[in-house]
Amino acid sequence: MPRCLCQSVGDEKGQAWGLNSLAFSLNQMGQLEEASDVITRSLAAMRALGDKRGVANSLNQQAAIQWARGDFGAAREWFAQGLPLIPKVDRTLATDIDLFSRGGQEILNAIERQNYAVLGRRPAISKSRKLSLVASAAAAKFLPKWREKQR
């Protein structure tokens, strides 16, 4: 792989996010094995840097890559790995992680309910379940502030 500007100037965070972007592009082009390898490198770099947003993004990207490969069990595991980050990040990022991870898991549940037959019918989440996911994430975001005001 050619050296990028980030490598030349020693920008480790830039390198980690560059790998993240490359993995996304490779996934979109259907080069799933290479995308998985690149996002694994990005995840390792994000963890080493302590970049929680980057870790969350990399975990969710790896889940999407595994999903595209048809490995729904691995996708579910990658989505689940993001959940412990929720209490460790700011509330806005926590909401994003919560919705993306739990929403991804709900879609996987819908795929399983259809016996993985997704070509004839698109898997869907009911409106009430979507509302429940959003309400849960919103409560987790705003309830701590409300509790602080009650003290």
N, C-alpha and C. Protein backbone atom coordinates (compact mmCIF):
# COMPACT_ATOMS: atom_id res chain seq x y z
N MET A 1 0.86 -1.18 0.00
CA MET A 1 0.00 0.00 0.00
C MET A 1 0.90 1.24 0.00
N PRO A 2 0.66 2.20 -0.89
CA PRO A 2 1.50 3.40 -0.92
C PRO A 2 1.35 4.22 0.35
N ARG A 3 2.41 4.94 0.68
CA ARG A 3 2.37 5.80 1.87
C ARG A 3 1.48 7.01 1.58
N CYS A 4 0.70 7.37 2.55
CA CYS A 4 -0.13 8.55 2.42
C CYS A 4 0.54 9.71 3.15
N LEU A 5 0.01 10.90 2.95
CA LEU A 5 0.55 12.09 3.58
C LEU A 5 0.55 11.93 5.10
N CYS A 6 -0.50 11.33 5.65
CA CYS A 6 -0.59 11.15 7.10
C CYS A 6 0.58 10.33 7.62
N GLN A 7 0.98 9.30 6.87
CA GLN A 7 2.13 8.49 7.28
C GLN A 7 3.40 9.32 7.20
N SER A 8 3.52 10.11 6.16
CA SER A 8 4.74 10.90 5.95
C SER A 8 4.98 11.90 7.07
N VAL A 9 3.91 12.46 7.62
CA VAL A 9 4.06 13.47 8.67
C VAL A 9 3.83 12.89 10.07
N GLY A 10 3.59 11.58 10.16
CA GLY A 10 3.42 10.94 11.45
C GLY A 10 2.09 11.20 12.12
N ASP A 11 1.06 11.49 11.35
CA ASP A 11 -0.27 11.76 11.89
C ASP A 11 -1.00 10.43 12.11
N GLU A 12 -0.86 9.85 13.30
CA GLU A 12 -1.43 8.54 13.57
C GLU A 12 -2.96 8.55 13.52
N LYS A 13 -3.56 9.61 14.04
CA LYS A 13 -5.02 9.70 14.01
C LYS A 13 -5.51 9.83 12.57
N GLY A 14 -4.81 10.61 11.77
CA GLY A 14 -5.16 10.73 10.36
C GLY A 14 -5.03 9.40 9.63
N GLN A 15 -4.00 8.64 9.98
CA GLN A 15 -3.83 7.32 9.37
C GLN A 15 -4.98 6.40 9.74
N ALA A 16 -5.36 6.41 11.02
CA ALA A 16 -6.44 5.54 11.49
C ALA A 16 -7.75 5.87 10.78
N TRP A 17 -8.05 7.17 10.67
CA TRP A 17 -9.29 7.57 9.99
C TRP A 17 -9.20 7.34 8.48
N GLY A 18 -8.00 7.46 7.92
CA GLY A 18 -7.81 7.14 6.50
C GLY A 18 -8.09 5.67 6.23
N LEU A 19 -7.61 4.79 7.12
CA LEU A 19 -7.91 3.37 6.98
C LEU A 19 -9.41 3.12 7.09
N ASN A 20 -10.06 3.84 8.00
CA ASN A 20 -11.49 3.71 8.18
C ASN A 20 -12.23 4.07 6.88
N SER A 21 -11.83 5.16 6.27
CA SER A 21 -12.45 5.60 5.02
C SER A 21 -12.17 4.61 3.90
N LEU A 22 -10.96 4.09 3.85
CA LEU A 22 -10.60 3.11 2.83
C LEU A 22 -11.45 1.85 2.98
N ALA A 23 -11.63 1.40 4.21
CA ALA A 23 -12.45 0.21 4.46
C ALA A 23 -13.89 0.43 3.98
N PHE A 24 -14.42 1.62 4.25
CA PHE A 24 -15.78 1.94 3.80
C PHE A 24 -15.85 1.84 2.27
N SER A 25 -14.89 2.43 1.60
CA SER A 25 -14.87 2.40 0.12
C SER A 25 -14.74 0.98 -0.41
N LEU A 26 -13.86 0.20 0.19
CA LEU A 26 -13.69 -1.19 -0.24
C LEU A 26 -14.97 -1.99 -0.04
N ASN A 27 -15.66 -1.75 1.06
CA ASN A 27 -16.94 -2.40 1.31
C ASN A 27 -17.93 -2.04 0.21
N GLN A 28 -18.01 -0.77 -0.13
CA GLN A 28 -18.94 -0.31 -1.15
C GLN A 28 -18.62 -0.92 -2.53
N MET A 29 -17.34 -1.21 -2.76
CA MET A 29 -16.93 -1.81 -4.04
C MET A 29 -17.04 -3.33 -4.02
N GLY A 30 -17.45 -3.89 -2.88
CA GLY A 30 -17.61 -5.33 -2.79
C GLY A 30 -16.34 -6.10 -2.49
N GLN A 31 -15.28 -5.40 -2.16
CA GLN A 31 -14.01 -6.05 -1.83
C GLN A 31 -14.00 -6.30 -0.31
N LEU A 32 -14.82 -7.25 0.09
CA LEU A 32 -15.15 -7.43 1.50
C LEU A 32 -14.00 -7.98 2.34
N GLU A 33 -13.23 -8.89 1.79
CA GLU A 33 -12.11 -9.45 2.55
C GLU A 33 -11.08 -8.36 2.84
N GLU A 34 -10.76 -7.59 1.83
CA GLU A 34 -9.79 -6.50 2.02
C GLU A 34 -10.37 -5.44 2.95
N ALA A 35 -11.66 -5.14 2.80
CA ALA A 35 -12.30 -4.16 3.68
C ALA A 35 -12.20 -4.60 5.14
N SER A 36 -12.44 -5.88 5.39
CA SER A 36 -12.36 -6.41 6.75
C SER A 36 -10.95 -6.29 7.31
N ASP A 37 -9.95 -6.60 6.48
CA ASP A 37 -8.56 -6.48 6.93
C ASP A 37 -8.20 -5.03 7.26
N VAL A 38 -8.64 -4.10 6.42
CA VAL A 38 -8.30 -2.69 6.62
C VAL A 38 -9.02 -2.13 7.85
N ILE A 39 -10.29 -2.49 8.04
CA ILE A 39 -11.01 -1.95 9.19
C ILE A 39 -10.45 -2.54 10.49
N THR A 40 -9.93 -3.76 10.43
CA THR A 40 -9.28 -4.35 11.60
C THR A 40 -8.05 -3.53 11.98
N ARG A 41 -7.29 -3.09 10.99
CA ARG A 41 -6.13 -2.23 11.26
C ARG A 41 -6.57 -0.88 11.82
N SER A 42 -7.64 -0.33 11.26
CA SER A 42 -8.17 0.95 11.75
C SER A 42 -8.62 0.82 13.21
N LEU A 43 -9.33 -0.26 13.51
CA LEU A 43 -9.82 -0.48 14.87
C LEU A 43 -8.66 -0.58 15.86
N ALA A 44 -7.62 -1.31 15.49
CA ALA A 44 -6.46 -1.44 16.37
C ALA A 44 -5.82 -0.07 16.61
N ALA A 45 -5.72 0.73 15.56
CA ALA A 45 -5.12 2.07 15.69
C ALA A 45 -6.00 2.97 16.55
N MET A 46 -7.31 2.93 16.34
CA MET A 46 -8.23 3.75 17.13
C MET A 46 -8.15 3.38 18.61
N ARG A 47 -8.07 2.09 18.89
CA ARG A 47 -7.96 1.66 20.29
C ARG A 47 -6.65 2.15 20.90
N ALA A 48 -5.56 2.03 20.14
CA ALA A 48 -4.25 2.47 20.63
C ALA A 48 -4.25 3.97 20.91
N LEU A 49 -4.99 4.73 20.11
CA LEU A 49 -5.06 6.18 20.28
C LEU A 49 -6.07 6.59 21.36
N GLY A 50 -6.91 5.66 21.78
CA GLY A 50 -7.95 6.00 22.75
C GLY A 50 -9.08 6.82 22.13
N ASP A 51 -9.26 6.69 20.82
CA ASP A 51 -10.29 7.44 20.09
C ASP A 51 -11.60 6.64 20.13
N LYS A 52 -12.44 6.94 21.11
CA LYS A 52 -13.68 6.17 21.30
C LYS A 52 -14.63 6.31 20.12
N ARG A 53 -14.71 7.51 19.56
CA ARG A 53 -15.57 7.70 18.38
C ARG A 53 -15.06 6.82 17.23
N GLY A 54 -13.75 6.80 17.05
CA GLY A 54 -13.16 5.97 16.00
C GLY A 54 -13.37 4.49 16.25
N VAL A 55 -13.26 4.07 17.51
CA VAL A 55 -13.50 2.67 17.85
C VAL A 55 -14.94 2.31 17.51
N ALA A 56 -15.88 3.14 17.93
CA ALA A 56 -17.30 2.87 17.65
C ALA A 56 -17.55 2.80 16.15
N ASN A 57 -16.99 3.74 15.41
CA ASN A 57 -17.18 3.75 13.96
C ASN A 57 -16.59 2.49 13.34
N SER A 58 -15.40 2.10 13.78
CA SER A 58 -14.75 0.92 13.22
C SER A 58 -15.53 -0.36 13.55
N LEU A 59 -16.04 -0.46 14.77
CA LEU A 59 -16.84 -1.63 15.14
C LEU A 59 -18.08 -1.73 14.26
N ASN A 60 -18.77 -0.60 14.07
CA ASN A 60 -19.97 -0.62 13.26
C ASN A 60 -19.66 -0.90 11.80
N GLN A 61 -18.51 -0.40 11.32
CA GLN A 61 -18.13 -0.71 9.93
C GLN A 61 -17.83 -2.19 9.77
N GLN A 62 -17.13 -2.77 10.76
CA GLN A 62 -16.84 -4.21 10.67
C GLN A 62 -18.14 -5.00 10.68
N ALA A 63 -19.12 -4.57 11.48
CA ALA A 63 -20.44 -5.22 11.48
C ALA A 63 -21.07 -5.15 10.09
N ALA A 64 -21.00 -3.97 9.47
CA ALA A 64 -21.58 -3.80 8.13
C ALA A 64 -20.87 -4.68 7.10
N ILE A 65 -19.56 -4.81 7.22
CA ILE A 65 -18.80 -5.65 6.29
C ILE A 65 -19.21 -7.11 6.46
N GLN A 66 -19.31 -7.57 7.72
CA GLN A 66 -19.70 -8.96 7.96
C GLN A 66 -21.13 -9.21 7.48
N TRP A 67 -21.98 -8.21 7.65
CA TRP A 67 -23.35 -8.29 7.16
C TRP A 67 -23.35 -8.48 5.65
N ALA A 68 -22.54 -7.66 4.96
CA ALA A 68 -22.46 -7.75 3.49
C ALA A 68 -21.92 -9.11 3.05
N ARG A 69 -21.07 -9.71 3.87
CA ARG A 69 -20.55 -11.05 3.56
C ARG A 69 -21.58 -12.14 3.81
N GLY A 70 -22.67 -11.78 4.48
CA GLY A 70 -23.70 -12.75 4.82
C GLY A 70 -23.42 -13.48 6.12
N ASP A 71 -22.44 -13.01 6.86
CA ASP A 71 -22.11 -13.62 8.16
C ASP A 71 -22.84 -12.83 9.25
N PHE A 72 -24.12 -13.14 9.40
CA PHE A 72 -24.97 -12.38 10.30
C PHE A 72 -24.59 -12.59 11.77
N GLY A 73 -24.09 -13.76 12.10
CA GLY A 73 -23.65 -14.01 13.48
C GLY A 73 -22.48 -13.11 13.84
N ALA A 74 -21.50 -13.00 12.93
CA ALA A 74 -20.36 -12.11 13.18
C ALA A 74 -20.82 -10.66 13.23
N ALA A 75 -21.73 -10.29 12.35
CA ALA A 75 -22.25 -8.91 12.35
C ALA A 75 -22.89 -8.59 13.70
N ARG A 76 -23.68 -9.52 14.21
CA ARG A 76 -24.33 -9.32 15.51
C ARG A 76 -23.29 -9.12 16.61
N GLU A 77 -22.22 -9.92 16.57
CA GLU A 77 -21.16 -9.80 17.58
C GLU A 77 -20.46 -8.44 17.49
N TRP A 78 -20.21 -7.96 16.28
CA TRP A 78 -19.55 -6.66 16.12
C TRP A 78 -20.46 -5.53 16.60
N PHE A 79 -21.76 -5.61 16.28
CA PHE A 79 -22.70 -4.60 16.79
C PHE A 79 -22.68 -4.61 18.32
N ALA A 80 -22.69 -5.80 18.91
CA ALA A 80 -22.73 -5.92 20.37
C ALA A 80 -21.48 -5.33 21.02
N GLN A 81 -20.34 -5.39 20.34
CA GLN A 81 -19.11 -4.85 20.92
C GLN A 81 -19.17 -3.34 21.11
N GLY A 82 -20.03 -2.67 20.36
CA GLY A 82 -20.16 -1.23 20.51
C GLY A 82 -20.96 -0.82 21.74
N LEU A 83 -21.82 -1.68 22.23
CA LEU A 83 -22.71 -1.32 23.34
C LEU A 83 -21.97 -0.93 24.63
N PRO A 84 -20.88 -1.61 25.01
CA PRO A 84 -20.17 -1.19 26.23
C PRO A 84 -19.54 0.20 26.14
N LEU A 85 -19.42 0.74 24.93
CA LEU A 85 -18.87 2.09 24.77
C LEU A 85 -19.87 3.17 25.19
N ILE A 86 -21.14 2.85 25.19
CA ILE A 86 -22.19 3.86 25.41
C ILE A 86 -21.97 4.68 26.68
N PRO A 87 -21.72 4.06 27.83
CA PRO A 87 -21.54 4.90 29.04
C PRO A 87 -20.19 5.61 29.10
N LYS A 88 -19.29 5.32 28.16
CA LYS A 88 -17.94 5.88 28.21
C LYS A 88 -17.72 7.07 27.29
N VAL A 89 -18.75 7.43 26.52
CA VAL A 89 -18.60 8.52 25.55
C VAL A 89 -19.63 9.62 25.83
N ASP A 90 -19.48 10.75 25.14
CA ASP A 90 -20.44 11.84 25.34
C ASP A 90 -21.83 11.39 24.90
N ARG A 91 -22.84 12.07 25.39
CA ARG A 91 -24.23 11.65 25.19
C ARG A 91 -24.64 11.60 23.72
N THR A 92 -24.15 12.52 22.90
CA THR A 92 -24.53 12.52 21.50
C THR A 92 -23.98 11.29 20.80
N LEU A 93 -22.70 11.00 21.02
CA LEU A 93 -22.11 9.81 20.42
C LEU A 93 -22.76 8.56 21.00
N ALA A 94 -23.08 8.57 22.28
CA ALA A 94 -23.73 7.41 22.90
C ALA A 94 -25.06 7.11 22.22
N THR A 95 -25.81 8.15 21.89
CA THR A 95 -27.08 7.96 21.20
C THR A 95 -26.86 7.34 19.82
N ASP A 96 -25.86 7.83 19.10
CA ASP A 96 -25.54 7.27 17.78
C ASP A 96 -25.18 5.79 17.88
N ILE A 97 -24.30 5.47 18.82
CA ILE A 97 -23.87 4.07 18.99
C ILE A 97 -25.06 3.20 19.36
N ASP A 98 -25.86 3.68 20.29
CA ASP A 98 -27.04 2.94 20.75
C ASP A 98 -27.97 2.63 19.59
N LEU A 99 -28.33 3.65 18.84
CA LEU A 99 -29.28 3.46 17.74
C LEU A 99 -28.69 2.59 16.63
N PHE A 100 -27.44 2.81 16.27
CA PHE A 100 -26.84 2.03 15.19
C PHE A 100 -26.68 0.57 15.60
N SER A 101 -26.16 0.34 16.80
CA SER A 101 -25.94 -1.04 17.25
C SER A 101 -27.24 -1.79 17.47
N ARG A 102 -28.16 -1.18 18.21
CA ARG A 102 -29.42 -1.87 18.48
C ARG A 102 -30.30 -1.96 17.23
N GLY A 103 -30.25 -0.92 16.39
CA GLY A 103 -31.00 -0.98 15.14
C GLY A 103 -30.47 -2.07 14.22
N GLY A 104 -29.15 -2.19 14.15
CA GLY A 104 -28.55 -3.25 13.36
C GLY A 104 -28.95 -4.63 13.86
N GLN A 105 -28.96 -4.77 15.17
CA GLN A 105 -29.36 -6.05 15.75
C GLN A 105 -30.84 -6.35 15.47
N GLU A 106 -31.66 -5.33 15.49
CA GLU A 106 -33.09 -5.53 15.19
C GLU A 106 -33.30 -5.96 13.74
N ILE A 107 -32.56 -5.37 12.82
CA ILE A 107 -32.66 -5.79 11.41
C ILE A 107 -32.20 -7.23 11.27
N LEU A 108 -31.12 -7.60 11.97
CA LEU A 108 -30.67 -9.00 11.95
C LEU A 108 -31.75 -9.93 12.48
N ASN A 109 -32.47 -9.49 13.53
CA ASN A 109 -33.59 -10.30 14.05
C ASN A 109 -34.65 -10.48 12.98
N ALA A 110 -34.95 -9.42 12.24
CA ALA A 110 -35.94 -9.50 11.17
C ALA A 110 -35.49 -10.45 10.06
N ILE A 111 -34.20 -10.41 9.74
CA ILE A 111 -33.66 -11.32 8.73
C ILE A 111 -33.81 -12.77 9.21
N GLU A 112 -33.50 -13.02 10.46
CA GLU A 112 -33.64 -14.36 11.01
C GLU A 112 -35.10 -14.83 10.98
N ARG A 113 -36.03 -13.93 11.32
CA ARG A 113 -37.45 -14.29 11.31
C ARG A 113 -37.91 -14.70 9.91
N GLN A 114 -37.23 -14.19 8.88
CA GLN A 114 -37.58 -14.52 7.50
C GLN A 114 -36.74 -15.71 6.99
N ASN A 115 -36.07 -16.39 7.89
CA ASN A 115 -35.18 -17.51 7.52
C ASN A 115 -34.15 -17.08 6.47
N TYR A 116 -33.65 -15.87 6.61
CA TYR A 116 -32.58 -15.32 5.78
C TYR A 116 -32.99 -15.15 4.31
N ALA A 117 -34.27 -15.24 4.02
CA ALA A 117 -34.76 -15.05 2.65
C ALA A 117 -35.06 -13.57 2.45
N VAL A 118 -34.07 -12.81 2.02
CA VAL A 118 -34.22 -11.36 1.92
C VAL A 118 -34.42 -10.87 0.50
N LEU A 119 -34.30 -11.76 -0.48
CA LEU A 119 -34.47 -11.31 -1.87
C LEU A 119 -35.92 -11.07 -2.23
N GLY A 120 -36.82 -11.88 -1.70
CA GLY A 120 -38.24 -11.73 -2.02
C GLY A 120 -38.94 -10.67 -1.20
N ARG A 121 -38.45 -10.43 0.01
CA ARG A 121 -39.10 -9.45 0.89
C ARG A 121 -38.03 -8.77 1.74
N ARG A 122 -38.09 -7.48 1.75
CA ARG A 122 -37.12 -6.69 2.52
C ARG A 122 -37.41 -6.82 4.02
N PRO A 123 -36.38 -7.13 4.81
CA PRO A 123 -36.61 -7.19 6.26
C PRO A 123 -36.93 -5.80 6.80
N ALA A 124 -37.82 -5.76 7.76
CA ALA A 124 -38.24 -4.46 8.29
C ALA A 124 -38.44 -4.54 9.80
N ILE A 125 -38.35 -3.37 10.41
CA ILE A 125 -38.64 -3.22 11.84
C ILE A 125 -39.96 -2.47 11.93
N SER A 126 -40.85 -2.91 12.80
CA SER A 126 -42.14 -2.24 12.93
C SER A 126 -41.96 -0.81 13.43
N LYS A 127 -42.93 0.01 13.13
CA LYS A 127 -42.88 1.41 13.59
C LYS A 127 -42.83 1.49 15.11
N SER A 128 -43.59 0.61 15.76
CA SER A 128 -43.59 0.65 17.23
C SER A 128 -42.22 0.26 17.79
N ARG A 129 -41.53 -0.70 17.15
CA ARG A 129 -40.21 -1.09 17.63
C ARG A 129 -39.20 0.02 17.36
N LYS A 130 -39.30 0.68 16.20
CA LYS A 130 -38.42 1.82 15.90
C LYS A 130 -38.62 2.91 16.94
N LEU A 131 -39.87 3.20 17.25
CA LEU A 131 -40.18 4.22 18.25
C LEU A 131 -39.60 3.84 19.60
N SER A 132 -39.70 2.57 19.95
CA SER A 132 -39.15 2.09 21.21
C SER A 132 -37.64 2.27 21.26
N LEU A 133 -36.94 1.97 20.16
CA LEU A 133 -35.49 2.16 20.11
C LEU A 133 -35.11 3.62 20.27
N VAL A 134 -35.83 4.50 19.57
CA VAL A 134 -35.56 5.94 19.64
C VAL A 134 -35.87 6.47 21.04
N ALA A 135 -37.00 6.06 21.59
CA ALA A 135 -37.38 6.53 22.94
C ALA A 135 -36.35 6.07 23.98
N SER A 136 -35.89 4.84 23.85
CA SER A 136 -34.90 4.33 24.79
C SER A 136 -33.59 5.11 24.70
N ALA A 137 -33.15 5.38 23.47
CA ALA A 137 -31.91 6.14 23.28
C ALA A 137 -32.07 7.58 23.77
N ALA A 138 -33.23 8.18 23.51
CA ALA A 138 -33.48 9.56 23.95
C ALA A 138 -33.54 9.64 25.48
N ALA A 139 -34.19 8.67 26.10
CA ALA A 139 -34.26 8.67 27.56
C ALA A 139 -32.86 8.54 28.16
N ALA A 140 -32.06 7.67 27.56
CA ALA A 140 -30.69 7.50 28.06
C ALA A 140 -29.88 8.78 27.89
N LYS A 141 -30.19 9.53 26.85
CA LYS A 141 -29.46 10.77 26.60
C LYS A 141 -29.90 11.88 27.55
N PHE A 142 -31.22 12.03 27.74
CA PHE A 142 -31.73 13.19 28.46
C PHE A 142 -32.05 12.92 29.93
N LEU A 143 -32.30 11.70 30.30
CA LEU A 143 -32.67 11.41 31.67
C LEU A 143 -31.58 11.78 32.68
N PRO A 144 -30.29 11.55 32.39
CA PRO A 144 -29.28 11.98 33.38
C PRO A 144 -29.34 13.48 33.67
N LYS A 145 -29.59 14.30 32.66
CA LYS A 145 -29.70 15.75 32.88
C LYS A 145 -30.92 16.05 33.75
N TRP A 146 -32.01 15.37 33.47
CA TRP A 146 -33.22 15.59 34.25
C TRP A 146 -32.98 15.19 35.70
N ARG A 147 -32.29 14.06 35.90
CA ARG A 147 -31.99 13.61 37.26
C ARG A 147 -31.10 14.61 38.00
N GLU A 148 -30.13 15.20 37.30
CA GLU A 148 -29.25 16.19 37.93
C GLU A 148 -30.05 17.39 38.39
N LYS A 149 -31.05 17.80 37.60
CA LYS A 149 -31.86 18.96 37.97
C LYS A 149 -32.75 18.68 39.19
N GLN A 150 -33.09 17.42 39.42
CA GLN A 150 -33.95 17.04 40.54
C GLN A 150 -33.20 17.03 41.88
N ARG A 151 -31.88 17.04 41.84
CA ARG A 151 -31.09 16.99 43.09
C ARG A 151 -31.11 18.30 43.81
